[in-house]
Structure formats: structure tokens, C-alpha cells
Full PDB file with SEQRES, HELIX, SHEET, SSBOND, CRYST1, ORIGX, SCALE, CONECT and MASTER records, all heavy atoms in Angstrom:
SEQRES   1 A   41  TRP GLU LEU ILE ALA LYS ILE ARG ALA ASN GLY ALA LYS          
SEQRES   2 A   41  LEU SER PRO LEU LEU GLN ALA PRO TRP VAL THR ASN GLU          
SEQRES   3 A   41  ILE PHE ARG VAL ASP TRP LEU HIS ALA ALA ASP GLN GLY          
SEQRES   4 A   41  VAL THR                                                      
HELIX    1 AA1 GLU A    2  ALA A    9  1                                   8    
HELIX    2 AA2 PRO A   16  GLN A   19  5                                   4    
HELIX    3 AA3 ASN A   25  ILE A   27  5                                   3    
HELIX    4 AA4 TRP A   32  TRP A   32  1                                   1    
HELIX    5 AA5 LEU A   33  VAL A   40  3                                   8    
CRYST1    1.000    1.000    1.000  90.00  90.00  90.00 P 1           1          
ORIGX1      1.000000  0.000000  0.000000        0.00000                         
ORIGX2      0.000000  1.000000  0.000000        0.00000                         
ORIGX3      0.000000  0.000000  1.000000        0.00000                         
SCALE1      1.000000  0.000000  0.000000        0.00000                         
SCALE2      0.000000  1.000000  0.000000        0.00000                         
SCALE3      0.000000  0.000000  1.000000        0.00000                         
ATOM      1  N   TRP A   1       0.832  -1.208   0.000  1.00  0.00           N  
ATOM      2  CA  TRP A   1       0.000   0.000   0.000  1.00  0.00           C  
ATOM      3  C   TRP A   1       0.863   1.254   0.000  1.00  0.00           C  
ATOM      4  O   TRP A   1       0.489   2.278  -0.569  1.00  0.00           O  
ATOM      5  CB  TRP A   1      -0.939  -0.010   1.201  1.00  0.00           C  
ATOM      6  CG  TRP A   1      -1.988  -1.069   1.091  1.00  0.00           C  
ATOM      7  CD1 TRP A   1      -2.107  -2.197   1.849  1.00  0.00           C  
ATOM      8  CD2 TRP A   1      -3.057  -1.109   0.147  1.00  0.00           C  
ATOM      9  NE1 TRP A   1      -3.186  -2.942   1.435  1.00  0.00           N  
ATOM     10  CE2 TRP A   1      -3.793  -2.294   0.384  1.00  0.00           C  
ATOM     11  CE3 TRP A   1      -3.468  -0.272  -0.877  1.00  0.00           C  
ATOM     12  CZ2 TRP A   1      -4.907  -2.667  -0.356  1.00  0.00           C  
ATOM     13  CZ3 TRP A   1      -4.586  -0.641  -1.619  1.00  0.00           C  
ATOM     14  CH2 TRP A   1      -5.292  -1.814  -1.362  1.00  0.00           C  
ATOM     15  N   GLU A   2       2.017   1.191   0.626  1.00  0.00           N  
ATOM     16  CA  GLU A   2       2.922   2.353   0.604  1.00  0.00           C  
ATOM     17  C   GLU A   2       3.411   2.613  -0.815  1.00  0.00           C  
ATOM     18  O   GLU A   2       3.509   3.768  -1.252  1.00  0.00           O  
ATOM     19  CB  GLU A   2       4.111   2.104   1.530  1.00  0.00           C  
ATOM     20  CG  GLU A   2       3.757   2.101   3.012  1.00  0.00           C  
ATOM     21  CD  GLU A   2       4.969   1.809   3.881  1.00  0.00           C  
ATOM     22  OE1 GLU A   2       6.062   1.608   3.321  1.00  0.00           O  
ATOM     23  OE2 GLU A   2       4.809   1.778   5.112  1.00  0.00           O  
ATOM     24  N   LEU A   3       3.711   1.543  -1.548  1.00  0.00           N  
ATOM     25  CA  LEU A   3       4.148   1.699  -2.930  1.00  0.00           C  
ATOM     26  C   LEU A   3       3.038   2.322  -3.773  1.00  0.00           C  
ATOM     27  O   LEU A   3       3.278   3.257  -4.542  1.00  0.00           O  
ATOM     28  CB  LEU A   3       4.543   0.341  -3.518  1.00  0.00           C  
ATOM     29  CG  LEU A   3       4.864   0.333  -5.018  1.00  0.00           C  
ATOM     30  CD1 LEU A   3       6.081   1.195  -5.313  1.00  0.00           C  
ATOM     31  CD2 LEU A   3       5.071  -1.091  -5.515  1.00  0.00           C  
ATOM     32  N   ILE A   4       1.807   1.824  -3.615  1.00  0.00           N  
ATOM     33  CA  ILE A   4       0.680   2.365  -4.377  1.00  0.00           C  
ATOM     34  C   ILE A   4       0.463   3.838  -4.035  1.00  0.00           C  
ATOM     35  O   ILE A   4       0.194   4.666  -4.910  1.00  0.00           O  
ATOM     36  CB  ILE A   4      -0.585   1.534  -4.097  1.00  0.00           C  
ATOM     37  CG1 ILE A   4      -0.435   0.134  -4.701  1.00  0.00           C  
ATOM     38  CG2 ILE A   4      -1.831   2.225  -4.655  1.00  0.00           C  
ATOM     39  CD1 ILE A   4      -1.578  -0.811  -4.386  1.00  0.00           C  
ATOM     40  N   ALA A   5       0.588   4.175  -2.764  1.00  0.00           N  
ATOM     41  CA  ALA A   5       0.420   5.571  -2.345  1.00  0.00           C  
ATOM     42  C   ALA A   5       1.467   6.474  -2.995  1.00  0.00           C  
ATOM     43  O   ALA A   5       1.158   7.592  -3.435  1.00  0.00           O  
ATOM     44  CB  ALA A   5       0.504   5.665  -0.827  1.00  0.00           C  
ATOM     45  N   LYS A   6       2.718   5.987  -3.078  1.00  0.00           N  
ATOM     46  CA  LYS A   6       3.779   6.779  -3.708  1.00  0.00           C  
ATOM     47  C   LYS A   6       3.510   6.972  -5.193  1.00  0.00           C  
ATOM     48  O   LYS A   6       3.736   8.057  -5.743  1.00  0.00           O  
ATOM     49  CB  LYS A   6       5.132   6.087  -3.499  1.00  0.00           C  
ATOM     50  CG  LYS A   6       5.645   6.139  -2.075  1.00  0.00           C  
ATOM     51  CD  LYS A   6       6.995   5.445  -1.959  1.00  0.00           C  
ATOM     52  CE  LYS A   6       7.514   5.485  -0.531  1.00  0.00           C  
ATOM     53  NZ  LYS A   6       8.816   4.788  -0.404  1.00  0.00           N  
ATOM     54  N   ILE A   7       3.038   5.903  -5.845  1.00  0.00           N  
ATOM     55  CA  ILE A   7       2.741   6.004  -7.275  1.00  0.00           C  
ATOM     56  C   ILE A   7       1.655   7.048  -7.518  1.00  0.00           C  
ATOM     57  O   ILE A   7       1.759   7.895  -8.408  1.00  0.00           O  
ATOM     58  CB  ILE A   7       2.313   4.631  -7.832  1.00  0.00           C  
ATOM     59  CG1 ILE A   7       3.499   3.650  -7.786  1.00  0.00           C  
ATOM     60  CG2 ILE A   7       1.790   4.757  -9.264  1.00  0.00           C  
ATOM     61  CD1 ILE A   7       3.136   2.226  -8.175  1.00  0.00           C  
ATOM     62  N   ARG A   8       0.618   7.011  -6.702  1.00  0.00           N  
ATOM     63  CA  ARG A   8      -0.478   7.973  -6.867  1.00  0.00           C  
ATOM     64  C   ARG A   8      -0.031   9.386  -6.522  1.00  0.00           C  
ATOM     65  O   ARG A   8      -0.445  10.353  -7.163  1.00  0.00           O  
ATOM     66  CB  ARG A   8      -1.654   7.548  -5.994  1.00  0.00           C  
ATOM     67  CG  ARG A   8      -2.399   6.336  -6.536  1.00  0.00           C  
ATOM     68  CD  ARG A   8      -3.539   5.907  -5.644  1.00  0.00           C  
ATOM     69  NE  ARG A   8      -4.389   4.901  -6.297  1.00  0.00           N  
ATOM     70  CZ  ARG A   8      -5.321   4.203  -5.676  1.00  0.00           C  
ATOM     71  NH1 ARG A   8      -5.537   4.395  -4.381  1.00  0.00           N  
ATOM     72  NH2 ARG A   8      -6.032   3.317  -6.331  1.00  0.00           N  
ATOM     73  N   ALA A   9       0.804   9.515  -5.495  1.00  0.00           N  
ATOM     74  CA  ALA A   9       1.286  10.843  -5.095  1.00  0.00           C  
ATOM     75  C   ALA A   9       2.110  11.488  -6.196  1.00  0.00           C  
ATOM     76  O   ALA A   9       2.155  12.712  -6.316  1.00  0.00           O  
ATOM     77  CB  ALA A   9       2.103  10.731  -3.811  1.00  0.00           C  
ATOM     78  N   ASN A  10       2.768  10.648  -7.016  1.00  0.00           N  
ATOM     79  CA  ASN A  10       3.584  11.164  -8.104  1.00  0.00           C  
ATOM     80  C   ASN A  10       2.777  11.384  -9.378  1.00  0.00           C  
ATOM     81  O   ASN A  10       3.334  11.765 -10.410  1.00  0.00           O  
ATOM     82  CB  ASN A  10       4.747  10.200  -8.402  1.00  0.00           C  
ATOM     83  CG  ASN A  10       5.777  10.194  -7.299  1.00  0.00           C  
ATOM     84  OD1 ASN A  10       5.984  11.202  -6.631  1.00  0.00           O  
ATOM     85  ND2 ASN A  10       6.432   9.058  -7.095  1.00  0.00           N  
ATOM     86  N   GLY A  11       1.468  11.150  -9.288  1.00  0.00           N  
ATOM     87  CA  GLY A  11       0.618  11.384 -10.440  1.00  0.00           C  
ATOM     88  C   GLY A  11       0.736  10.344 -11.532  1.00  0.00           C  
ATOM     89  O   GLY A  11       0.310  10.586 -12.668  1.00  0.00           O  
ATOM     90  N   ALA A  12       1.317   9.185 -11.207  1.00  0.00           N  
ATOM     91  CA  ALA A  12       1.468   8.127 -12.209  1.00  0.00           C  
ATOM     92  C   ALA A  12       0.295   7.154 -12.147  1.00  0.00           C  
ATOM     93  O   ALA A  12      -0.415   7.081 -11.145  1.00  0.00           O  
ATOM     94  CB  ALA A  12       2.778   7.379 -11.977  1.00  0.00           C  
ATOM     95  N   LYS A  13       0.117   6.420 -13.218  1.00  0.00           N  
ATOM     96  CA  LYS A  13      -0.960   5.439 -13.268  1.00  0.00           C  
ATOM     97  C   LYS A  13      -0.490   4.124 -12.647  1.00  0.00           C  
ATOM     98  O   LYS A  13       0.656   3.742 -12.778  1.00  0.00           O  
ATOM     99  CB  LYS A  13      -1.401   5.201 -14.712  1.00  0.00           C  
ATOM    100  CG  LYS A  13      -2.061   6.414 -15.362  1.00  0.00           C  
ATOM    101  CD  LYS A  13      -2.524   6.083 -16.768  1.00  0.00           C  
ATOM    102  CE  LYS A  13      -3.217   7.279 -17.408  1.00  0.00           C  
ATOM    103  NZ  LYS A  13      -3.673   6.968 -18.791  1.00  0.00           N  
ATOM    104  N   LEU A  14      -1.420   3.447 -12.007  1.00  0.00           N  
ATOM    105  CA  LEU A  14      -1.101   2.148 -11.422  1.00  0.00           C  
ATOM    106  C   LEU A  14      -1.057   1.076 -12.505  1.00  0.00           C  
ATOM    107  O   LEU A  14      -1.893   1.054 -13.402  1.00  0.00           O  
ATOM    108  CB  LEU A  14      -2.138   1.755 -10.375  1.00  0.00           C  
ATOM    109  CG  LEU A  14      -2.087   2.471  -9.033  1.00  0.00           C  
ATOM    110  CD1 LEU A  14      -3.245   1.992  -8.160  1.00  0.00           C  
ATOM    111  CD2 LEU A  14      -0.768   2.215  -8.334  1.00  0.00           C  
ATOM    112  N   SER A  15      -0.076   0.196 -12.383  1.00  0.00           N  
ATOM    113  CA  SER A  15      -0.038  -0.945 -13.285  1.00  0.00           C  
ATOM    114  C   SER A  15      -1.219  -1.859 -12.978  1.00  0.00           C  
ATOM    115  O   SER A  15      -1.519  -2.118 -11.811  1.00  0.00           O  
ATOM    116  CB  SER A  15       1.266  -1.730 -13.103  1.00  0.00           C  
ATOM    117  OG  SER A  15       1.185  -2.990 -13.740  1.00  0.00           O  
ATOM    118  N   PRO A  16      -1.903  -2.368 -14.005  1.00  0.00           N  
ATOM    119  CA  PRO A  16      -3.006  -3.316 -13.766  1.00  0.00           C  
ATOM    120  C   PRO A  16      -2.563  -4.528 -12.954  1.00  0.00           C  
ATOM    121  O   PRO A  16      -3.354  -5.128 -12.234  1.00  0.00           O  
ATOM    122  CB  PRO A  16      -3.433  -3.719 -15.188  1.00  0.00           C  
ATOM    123  CG  PRO A  16      -3.009  -2.579 -16.040  1.00  0.00           C  
ATOM    124  CD  PRO A  16      -1.739  -2.063 -15.422  1.00  0.00           C  
ATOM    125  N   LEU A  17      -1.271  -4.868 -13.043  1.00  0.00           N  
ATOM    126  CA  LEU A  17      -0.758  -6.020 -12.308  1.00  0.00           C  
ATOM    127  C   LEU A  17      -0.923  -5.831 -10.805  1.00  0.00           C  
ATOM    128  O   LEU A  17      -1.239  -6.776 -10.075  1.00  0.00           O  
ATOM    129  CB  LEU A  17       0.717  -6.249 -12.655  1.00  0.00           C  
ATOM    130  CG  LEU A  17       1.376  -7.506 -12.082  1.00  0.00           C  
ATOM    131  CD1 LEU A  17       0.667  -8.746 -12.587  1.00  0.00           C  
ATOM    132  CD2 LEU A  17       2.841  -7.546 -12.474  1.00  0.00           C  
ATOM    133  N   LEU A  18      -0.759  -4.591 -10.336  1.00  0.00           N  
ATOM    134  CA  LEU A  18      -0.871  -4.333  -8.900  1.00  0.00           C  
ATOM    135  C   LEU A  18      -2.315  -4.406  -8.412  1.00  0.00           C  
ATOM    136  O   LEU A  18      -2.562  -4.399  -7.205  1.00  0.00           O  
ATOM    137  CB  LEU A  18      -0.279  -2.960  -8.567  1.00  0.00           C  
ATOM    138  CG  LEU A  18       1.245  -2.858  -8.635  1.00  0.00           C  
ATOM    139  CD1 LEU A  18       1.683  -1.412  -8.427  1.00  0.00           C  
ATOM    140  CD2 LEU A  18       1.897  -3.754  -7.599  1.00  0.00           C  
ATOM    141  N   GLN A  19      -3.252  -4.465  -9.328  1.00  0.00           N  
ATOM    142  CA  GLN A  19      -4.654  -4.574  -8.941  1.00  0.00           C  
ATOM    143  C   GLN A  19      -5.123  -6.026  -8.889  1.00  0.00           C  
ATOM    144  O   GLN A  19      -6.260  -6.302  -8.518  1.00  0.00           O  
ATOM    145  CB  GLN A  19      -5.513  -3.778  -9.930  1.00  0.00           C  
ATOM    146  CG  GLN A  19      -5.124  -2.294  -9.976  1.00  0.00           C  
ATOM    147  CD  GLN A  19      -5.890  -1.524 -11.024  1.00  0.00           C  
ATOM    148  OE1 GLN A  19      -7.083  -1.723 -11.185  1.00  0.00           O  
ATOM    149  NE2 GLN A  19      -5.214  -0.631 -11.731  1.00  0.00           N  
ATOM    150  N   ALA A  20      -4.227  -6.945  -9.269  1.00  0.00           N  
ATOM    151  CA  ALA A  20      -4.588  -8.362  -9.229  1.00  0.00           C  
ATOM    152  C   ALA A  20      -4.528  -8.867  -7.787  1.00  0.00           C  
ATOM    153  O   ALA A  20      -3.721  -8.385  -6.976  1.00  0.00           O  
ATOM    154  CB  ALA A  20      -3.637  -9.169 -10.104  1.00  0.00           C  
ATOM    155  N   PRO A  21      -5.382  -9.818  -7.431  1.00  0.00           N  
ATOM    156  CA  PRO A  21      -5.371 -10.354  -6.059  1.00  0.00           C  
ATOM    157  C   PRO A  21      -4.005 -10.926  -5.682  1.00  0.00           C  
ATOM    158  O   PRO A  21      -3.364 -11.583  -6.493  1.00  0.00           O  
ATOM    159  CB  PRO A  21      -6.431 -11.460  -6.122  1.00  0.00           C  
ATOM    160  CG  PRO A  21      -7.308 -11.088  -7.256  1.00  0.00           C  
ATOM    161  CD  PRO A  21      -6.418 -10.426  -8.267  1.00  0.00           C  
ATOM    162  N   TRP A  22      -3.584 -10.644  -4.491  1.00  0.00           N  
ATOM    163  CA  TRP A  22      -2.355 -11.173  -3.882  1.00  0.00           C  
ATOM    164  C   TRP A  22      -1.060 -10.624  -4.471  1.00  0.00           C  
ATOM    165  O   TRP A  22       0.016 -11.046  -4.067  1.00  0.00           O  
ATOM    166  CB  TRP A  22      -2.333 -12.709  -3.952  1.00  0.00           C  
ATOM    167  CG  TRP A  22      -3.589 -13.335  -3.443  1.00  0.00           C  
ATOM    168  CD1 TRP A  22      -4.549 -13.976  -4.178  1.00  0.00           C  
ATOM    169  CD2 TRP A  22      -4.059 -13.357  -2.095  1.00  0.00           C  
ATOM    170  NE1 TRP A  22      -5.576 -14.409  -3.382  1.00  0.00           N  
ATOM    171  CE2 TRP A  22      -5.295 -14.036  -2.075  1.00  0.00           C  
ATOM    172  CE3 TRP A  22      -3.554 -12.865  -0.883  1.00  0.00           C  
ATOM    173  CZ2 TRP A  22      -6.035 -14.235  -0.932  1.00  0.00           C  
ATOM    174  CZ3 TRP A  22      -4.295 -13.073   0.263  1.00  0.00           C  
ATOM    175  CH2 TRP A  22      -5.519 -13.750   0.237  1.00  0.00           C  
ATOM    176  N   VAL A  23      -1.153  -9.703  -5.424  1.00  0.00           N  
ATOM    177  CA  VAL A  23       0.067  -9.148  -6.010  1.00  0.00           C  
ATOM    178  C   VAL A  23       0.527  -7.942  -5.195  1.00  0.00           C  
ATOM    179  O   VAL A  23      -0.218  -6.972  -5.041  1.00  0.00           O  
ATOM    180  CB  VAL A  23      -0.146  -8.733  -7.477  1.00  0.00           C  
ATOM    181  CG1 VAL A  23       1.083  -8.004  -8.002  1.00  0.00           C  
ATOM    182  CG2 VAL A  23      -0.435  -9.957  -8.328  1.00  0.00           C  
ATOM    183  N   THR A  24       1.731  -8.016  -4.650  1.00  0.00           N  
ATOM    184  CA  THR A  24       2.354  -6.889  -3.960  1.00  0.00           C  
ATOM    185  C   THR A  24       3.769  -6.743  -4.484  1.00  0.00           C  
ATOM    186  O   THR A  24       4.285  -7.622  -5.192  1.00  0.00           O  
ATOM    187  CB  THR A  24       2.401  -7.112  -2.435  1.00  0.00           C  
ATOM    188  OG1 THR A  24       3.409  -8.103  -2.144  1.00  0.00           O  
ATOM    189  CG2 THR A  24       1.053  -7.566  -1.901  1.00  0.00           C  
ATOM    190  N   ASN A  25       4.418  -5.649  -4.133  1.00  0.00           N  
ATOM    191  CA  ASN A  25       5.785  -5.449  -4.599  1.00  0.00           C  
ATOM    192  C   ASN A  25       6.762  -6.461  -4.003  1.00  0.00           C  
ATOM    193  O   ASN A  25       7.888  -6.606  -4.472  1.00  0.00           O  
ATOM    194  CB  ASN A  25       6.259  -4.022  -4.278  1.00  0.00           C  
ATOM    195  CG  ASN A  25       6.156  -3.683  -2.813  1.00  0.00           C  
ATOM    196  OD1 ASN A  25       5.133  -3.957  -2.179  1.00  0.00           O  
ATOM    197  ND2 ASN A  25       7.199  -3.091  -2.264  1.00  0.00           N  
ATOM    198  N   GLU A  26       6.335  -7.217  -2.988  1.00  0.00           N  
ATOM    199  CA  GLU A  26       7.219  -8.203  -2.372  1.00  0.00           C  
ATOM    200  C   GLU A  26       7.491  -9.401  -3.275  1.00  0.00           C  
ATOM    201  O   GLU A  26       8.448 -10.154  -3.041  1.00  0.00           O  
ATOM    202  CB  GLU A  26       6.629  -8.672  -1.047  1.00  0.00           C  
ATOM    203  CG  GLU A  26       6.579  -7.571   0.018  1.00  0.00           C  
ATOM    204  CD  GLU A  26       5.942  -8.060   1.308  1.00  0.00           C  
ATOM    205  OE1 GLU A  26       5.415  -9.197   1.307  1.00  0.00           O  
ATOM    206  OE2 GLU A  26       5.970  -7.320   2.294  1.00  0.00           O  
ATOM    207  N   ILE A  27       6.658  -9.606  -4.293  1.00  0.00           N  
ATOM    208  CA  ILE A  27       6.869 -10.772  -5.150  1.00  0.00           C  
ATOM    209  C   ILE A  27       7.867 -10.482  -6.264  1.00  0.00           C  
ATOM    210  O   ILE A  27       8.318 -11.398  -6.951  1.00  0.00           O  
ATOM    211  CB  ILE A  27       5.552 -11.271  -5.782  1.00  0.00           C  
ATOM    212  CG1 ILE A  27       5.055 -10.285  -6.858  1.00  0.00           C  
ATOM    213  CG2 ILE A  27       4.489 -11.509  -4.720  1.00  0.00           C  
ATOM    214  CD1 ILE A  27       3.890 -10.838  -7.654  1.00  0.00           C  
ATOM    215  N   PHE A  28       8.236  -9.220  -6.460  1.00  0.00           N  
ATOM    216  CA  PHE A  28       9.151  -8.874  -7.542  1.00  0.00           C  
ATOM    217  C   PHE A  28      10.597  -9.081  -7.116  1.00  0.00           C  
ATOM    218  O   PHE A  28      10.959  -8.871  -5.968  1.00  0.00           O  
ATOM    219  CB  PHE A  28       8.936  -7.423  -7.985  1.00  0.00           C  
ATOM    220  CG  PHE A  28       7.571  -7.185  -8.574  1.00  0.00           C  
ATOM    221  CD1 PHE A  28       6.567  -6.584  -7.821  1.00  0.00           C  
ATOM    222  CD2 PHE A  28       7.292  -7.567  -9.873  1.00  0.00           C  
ATOM    223  CE1 PHE A  28       5.307  -6.372  -8.353  1.00  0.00           C  
ATOM    224  CE2 PHE A  28       6.030  -7.358 -10.413  1.00  0.00           C  
ATOM    225  CZ  PHE A  28       5.039  -6.756  -9.660  1.00  0.00           C  
ATOM    226  N   ARG A  29      11.421  -9.497  -8.066  1.00  0.00           N  
ATOM    227  CA  ARG A  29      12.826  -9.759  -7.803  1.00  0.00           C  
ATOM    228  C   ARG A  29      13.686  -9.037  -8.833  1.00  0.00           C  
ATOM    229  O   ARG A  29      13.277  -8.823  -9.977  1.00  0.00           O  
ATOM    230  CB  ARG A  29      13.116 -11.261  -7.873  1.00  0.00           C  
ATOM    231  CG  ARG A  29      12.428 -12.079  -6.783  1.00  0.00           C  
ATOM    232  CD  ARG A  29      13.058 -11.802  -5.427  1.00  0.00           C  
ATOM    233  NE  ARG A  29      12.458 -12.599  -4.369  1.00  0.00           N  
ATOM    234  CZ  ARG A  29      11.416 -12.238  -3.642  1.00  0.00           C  
ATOM    235  NH1 ARG A  29      10.822 -11.071  -3.874  1.00  0.00           N  
ATOM    236  NH2 ARG A  29      10.948 -13.004  -2.684  1.00  0.00           N  
ATOM    237  N   VAL A  30      14.896  -8.694  -8.423  1.00  0.00           N  
ATOM    238  CA  VAL A  30      15.859  -8.121  -9.359  1.00  0.00           C  
ATOM    239  C   VAL A  30      16.272  -9.203 -10.357  1.00  0.00           C  
ATOM    240  O   VAL A  30      16.490 -10.354  -9.978  1.00  0.00           O  
ATOM    241  CB  VAL A  30      17.093  -7.593  -8.600  1.00  0.00           C  
ATOM    242  CG1 VAL A  30      18.138  -7.084  -9.577  1.00  0.00           C  
ATOM    243  CG2 VAL A  30      16.683  -6.481  -7.638  1.00  0.00           C  
ATOM    244  N   ASP A  31      16.379  -8.845 -11.617  1.00  0.00           N  
ATOM    245  CA  ASP A  31      16.700  -9.794 -12.677  1.00  0.00           C  
ATOM    246  C   ASP A  31      18.215  -9.893 -12.841  1.00  0.00           C  
ATOM    247  O   ASP A  31      18.889  -8.891 -13.099  1.00  0.00           O  
ATOM    248  CB  ASP A  31      16.045  -9.312 -13.967  1.00  0.00           C  
ATOM    249  CG  ASP A  31      16.320 -10.236 -15.134  1.00  0.00           C  
ATOM    250  OD1 ASP A  31      16.738 -11.382 -14.896  1.00  0.00           O  
ATOM    251  OD2 ASP A  31      16.110  -9.816 -16.284  1.00  0.00           O  
ATOM    252  N   TRP A  32      18.759 -11.112 -12.734  1.00  0.00           N  
ATOM    253  CA  TRP A  32      20.203 -11.327 -12.873  1.00  0.00           C  
ATOM    254  C   TRP A  32      20.695 -10.896 -14.251  1.00  0.00           C  
ATOM    255  O   TRP A  32      21.784 -10.339 -14.371  1.00  0.00           O  
ATOM    256  CB  TRP A  32      20.527 -12.804 -12.640  1.00  0.00           C  
ATOM    257  CG  TRP A  32      21.990 -13.109 -12.694  1.00  0.00           C  
ATOM    258  CD1 TRP A  32      22.731 -13.423 -13.800  1.00  0.00           C  
ATOM    259  CD2 TRP A  32      22.915 -13.095 -11.594  1.00  0.00           C  
ATOM    260  NE1 TRP A  32      24.051 -13.617 -13.459  1.00  0.00           N  
ATOM    261  CE2 TRP A  32      24.186 -13.425 -12.113  1.00  0.00           C  
ATOM    262  CE3 TRP A  32      22.776 -12.857 -10.223  1.00  0.00           C  
ATOM    263  CZ2 TRP A  32      25.320 -13.514 -11.311  1.00  0.00           C  
ATOM    264  CZ3 TRP A  32      23.911 -12.950  -9.425  1.00  0.00           C  
ATOM    265  CH2 TRP A  32      25.163 -13.265  -9.964  1.00  0.00           C  
ATOM    266  N   LEU A  33      19.894 -11.132 -15.278  1.00  0.00           N  
ATOM    267  CA  LEU A  33      20.310 -10.775 -16.627  1.00  0.00           C  
ATOM    268  C   LEU A  33      20.661  -9.298 -16.739  1.00  0.00           C  
ATOM    269  O   LEU A  33      21.696  -8.932 -17.307  1.00  0.00           O  
ATOM    270  CB  LEU A  33      19.187 -11.116 -17.619  1.00  0.00           C  
ATOM    271  CG  LEU A  33      19.389 -10.630 -19.063  1.00  0.00           C  
ATOM    272  CD1 LEU A  33      20.553 -11.361 -19.717  1.00  0.00           C  
ATOM    273  CD2 LEU A  33      18.115 -10.838 -19.872  1.00  0.00           C  
ATOM    274  N   HIS A  34      19.801  -8.433 -16.166  1.00  0.00           N  
ATOM    275  CA  HIS A  34      20.028  -6.998 -16.296  1.00  0.00           C  
ATOM    276  C   HIS A  34      20.976  -6.448 -15.237  1.00  0.00           C  
ATOM    277  O   HIS A  34      21.731  -5.517 -15.495  1.00  0.00           O  
ATOM    278  CB  HIS A  34      18.691  -6.258 -16.250  1.00  0.00           C  
ATOM    279  CG  HIS A  34      17.823  -6.540 -17.429  1.00  0.00           C  
ATOM    280  ND1 HIS A  34      16.896  -7.563 -17.456  1.00  0.00           N  
ATOM    281  CD2 HIS A  34      17.763  -5.957 -18.650  1.00  0.00           C  
ATOM    282  CE1 HIS A  34      16.303  -7.589 -18.627  1.00  0.00           C  
ATOM    283  NE2 HIS A  34      16.796  -6.636 -19.378  1.00  0.00           N  
ATOM    284  N   ALA A  35      20.943  -7.017 -14.030  1.00  0.00           N  
ATOM    285  CA  ALA A  35      21.823  -6.531 -12.972  1.00  0.00           C  
ATOM    286  C   ALA A  35      23.258  -6.999 -13.182  1.00  0.00           C  
ATOM    287  O   ALA A  35      24.203  -6.239 -12.949  1.00  0.00           O  
ATOM    288  CB  ALA A  35      21.324  -7.002 -11.606  1.00  0.00           C  
ATOM    289  N   ALA A  36      23.423  -8.244 -13.645  1.00  0.00           N  
ATOM    290  CA  ALA A  36      24.755  -8.828 -13.770  1.00  0.00           C  
ATOM    291  C   ALA A  36      25.197  -8.936 -15.224  1.00  0.00           C  
ATOM    292  O   ALA A  36      26.061  -8.183 -15.677  1.00  0.00           O  
ATOM    293  CB  ALA A  36      24.787 -10.199 -13.092  1.00  0.00           C  
ATOM    294  N   ASP A  37      24.608  -9.882 -15.976  1.00  0.00           N  
ATOM    295  CA  ASP A  37      25.088 -10.159 -17.337  1.00  0.00           C  
ATOM    296  C   ASP A  37      25.225  -8.900 -18.190  1.00  0.00           C  
ATOM    297  O   ASP A  37      26.273  -8.663 -18.794  1.00  0.00           O  
ATOM    298  CB  ASP A  37      24.142 -11.134 -18.041  1.00  0.00           C  
ATOM    299  CG  ASP A  37      24.058 -12.474 -17.331  1.00  0.00           C  
ATOM    300  OD1 ASP A  37      25.006 -12.830 -16.614  1.00  0.00           O  
ATOM    301  OD2 ASP A  37      23.037 -13.165 -17.490  1.00  0.00           O  
ATOM    302  N   GLN A  38      24.157  -8.114 -18.260  1.00  0.00           N  
ATOM    303  CA  GLN A  38      24.189  -6.894 -19.063  1.00  0.00           C  
ATOM    304  C   GLN A  38      24.502  -5.654 -18.235  1.00  0.00           C  
ATOM    305  O   GLN A  38      24.458  -4.543 -18.742  1.00  0.00           O  
ATOM    306  CB  GLN A  38      22.843  -6.711 -19.779  1.00  0.00           C  
ATOM    307  CG  GLN A  38      22.554  -7.817 -20.789  1.00  0.00           C  
ATOM    308  CD  GLN A  38      21.224  -7.650 -21.488  1.00  0.00           C  
ATOM    309  OE1 GLN A  38      20.322  -6.992 -20.980  1.00  0.00           O  
ATOM    310  NE2 GLN A  38      21.088  -8.244 -22.657  1.00  0.00           N  
ATOM    311  N   GLY A  39      24.817  -5.871 -16.961  1.00  0.00           N  
ATOM    312  CA  GLY A  39      25.124  -4.773 -16.047  1.00  0.00           C  
ATOM    313  C   GLY A  39      26.562  -4.800 -15.591  1.00  0.00           C  
ATOM    314  O   GLY A  39      27.482  -4.536 -16.368  1.00  0.00           O  
ATOM    315  N   VAL A  40      26.770  -5.156 -14.321  1.00  0.00           N  
ATOM    316  CA  VAL A  40      28.118  -5.061 -13.754  1.00  0.00           C  
ATOM    317  C   VAL A  40      29.099  -6.008 -14.432  1.00  0.00           C  
ATOM    318  O   VAL A  40      30.287  -5.695 -14.546  1.00  0.00           O  
ATOM    319  CB  VAL A  40      28.101  -5.319 -12.233  1.00  0.00           C  
ATOM    320  CG1 VAL A  40      27.326  -4.243 -11.509  1.00  0.00           C  
ATOM    321  CG2 VAL A  40      27.545  -6.691 -11.910  1.00  0.00           C  
ATOM    322  N   THR A  41      28.642  -7.174 -14.884  1.00  0.00           N  
ATOM    323  CA  THR A  41      29.565  -8.120 -15.502  1.00  0.00           C  
ATOM    324  C   THR A  41      30.082  -7.595 -16.832  1.00  0.00           C  
ATOM    325  O   THR A  41      31.283  -7.671 -17.115  1.00  0.00           O  
ATOM    326  CB  THR A  41      28.887  -9.488 -15.701  1.00  0.00           C  
ATOM    327  OG1 THR A  41      28.361  -9.942 -14.452  1.00  0.00           O  
ATOM    328  CG2 THR A  41      29.881 -10.515 -16.215  1.00  0.00           C  
TER     329      THR A  41                                                      
MASTER        0    0    0    5    0    0    0    6  328    1    0    4          
END                                                                             
């Protein structure tokens, strides 16, 4: 809910994904491909 509040406070639209049952920002993970392979590596 804090994430949703920040999104709304910034005037941005909510992703439809966040409106799905049981979906919170806790289920998201950093992607190794972008953080490592195409990032620091």
C-alpha cells in the first residue's frame, strides 16, 4: 500500500498487475540478466 500511495502521489498510473489479487511489490525480484550479465559483468 505504501508503494501504491507513492505512485499515486507522483501522479502516475497504477499498473493493472498491482490490482490483481495477492500481487504486492514483495513478489518482484531483481533480474540477474540486467543486474549482472548486461550490467556489472
